[in-house]
Amino acid sequence: MNESTLLLFAQNALTVTLIITGPVLIASLVLGSLVSLFQAATQINEVTLTFVPKILGSILIFVLLGTWMGEKIMAFTADIFNNLPAFVQ
């Protein structure tokens, strides 16, 4: 395995990771900002109020995009197994 193959593998792994985690992180960021805005407007400082919407939003994203995420992971895994002889050499 030469350096370019290893760097390409690492780049693909990071790209797939960012693509898979992106929607969940964006949903958590948006919901967290909205809850923080609501808490600042109403002066309610309940700690659990920030976690519940984020968890529900993450579950909703997983339900809506779970098959797409699984397909991306399966394609990446299949690509790894298909290129396994090149990694060994």
Protein backbone atom coordinates (compact mmCIF):
# COMPACT_ATOMS: atom_id res chain seq x y z
CA MET A 1 0.00 0.00 0.00
CA ASN A 2 1.52 3.30 -1.03
CA GLU A 3 0.90 6.71 0.46
CA SER A 4 -1.52 7.90 -2.19
CA THR A 5 -3.80 4.89 -1.66
CA LEU A 6 -3.78 5.44 2.08
CA LEU A 7 -4.50 9.14 1.73
CA LEU A 8 -7.33 8.44 -0.71
CA PHE A 9 -8.82 5.91 1.72
CA ALA A 10 -8.59 8.39 4.61
CA GLN A 11 -10.11 11.16 2.51
CA ASN A 12 -13.02 8.95 1.47
CA ALA A 13 -13.59 7.86 5.07
CA LEU A 14 -13.72 11.46 6.29
CA THR A 15 -15.98 12.51 3.43
CA VAL A 16 -18.46 9.72 4.11
CA THR A 17 -18.37 10.55 7.83
CA LEU A 18 -19.17 14.21 7.18
CA ILE A 19 -21.94 13.34 4.72
CA ILE A 20 -23.54 10.87 7.14
CA THR A 21 -23.32 13.04 10.26
CA GLY A 22 -24.10 16.35 8.55
CA PRO A 23 -27.92 16.24 8.61
CA VAL A 24 -28.06 15.15 12.25
CA LEU A 25 -25.60 17.85 13.34
CA ILE A 26 -27.38 20.55 11.37
CA ALA A 27 -30.76 19.56 12.81
CA SER A 28 -29.31 19.59 16.34
CA LEU A 29 -27.73 22.98 15.72
CA VAL A 30 -30.95 24.51 14.42
CA LEU A 31 -33.10 23.03 17.19
CA GLY A 32 -30.58 24.05 19.85
CA SER A 33 -30.54 27.61 18.55
CA LEU A 34 -34.33 27.80 18.48
CA VAL A 35 -34.61 26.43 22.02
CA SER A 36 -31.94 28.87 23.23
CA LEU A 37 -33.82 31.73 21.60
CA PHE A 38 -37.04 30.55 23.26
CA GLN A 39 -35.31 30.27 26.64
CA ALA A 40 -33.80 33.75 26.30
CA ALA A 41 -37.18 35.23 25.36
CA THR A 42 -39.10 33.55 28.17
CA GLN A 43 -36.27 33.40 30.75
CA ILE A 44 -36.93 29.70 31.34
CA ASN A 45 -33.65 28.07 32.34
CA GLU A 46 -34.62 24.42 32.37
CA VAL A 47 -31.67 22.20 31.50
CA THR A 48 -33.71 19.34 30.07
CA LEU A 49 -35.51 21.70 27.70
CA THR A 50 -32.41 21.86 25.52
CA PHE A 51 -31.85 18.10 25.27
CA VAL A 52 -35.33 16.78 24.52
CA PRO A 53 -35.87 18.65 21.21
CA LYS A 54 -32.35 17.74 20.04
CA ILE A 55 -32.92 14.05 20.77
CA LEU A 56 -36.33 14.08 19.09
CA GLY A 57 -34.90 15.92 16.08
CA SER A 58 -32.05 13.44 15.80
CA ILE A 59 -34.46 10.50 15.96
CA LEU A 60 -36.62 12.15 13.27
CA ILE A 61 -33.60 12.64 11.01
CA PHE A 62 -32.57 9.01 11.52
CA VAL A 63 -36.09 7.85 10.67
CA LEU A 64 -36.30 10.03 7.56
CA LEU A 65 -32.74 9.59 6.25
CA GLY A 66 -31.74 6.28 7.81
CA THR A 67 -31.99 4.28 4.59
CA TRP A 68 -29.94 6.87 2.71
CA MET A 69 -27.29 6.83 5.45
CA GLY A 70 -27.22 3.05 5.38
CA GLU A 71 -26.81 3.04 1.60
CA LYS A 72 -23.86 5.44 1.85
CA ILE A 73 -22.19 3.30 4.50
CA MET A 74 -22.82 0.10 2.52
CA ALA A 75 -21.40 1.66 -0.66
CA PHE A 76 -18.29 2.79 1.21
CA THR A 77 -17.86 -0.65 2.79
CA ALA A 78 -18.32 -2.38 -0.56
CA ASP A 79 -15.73 -0.04 -2.06
CA ILE A 80 -13.28 -0.97 0.70
CA PHE A 81 -13.80 -4.69 0.11
CA ASN A 82 -13.52 -4.28 -3.68
CA ASN A 83 -10.22 -2.41 -3.29
CA LEU A 84 -8.85 -4.73 -0.63
CA PRO A 85 -6.31 -6.36 -2.99
CA ALA A 86 -4.88 -2.93 -3.75
CA PHE A 87 -4.52 -2.22 -0.02
CA VAL A 88 -2.57 -5.43 0.58
CA GLN A 89 -0.02 -4.90 -2.18
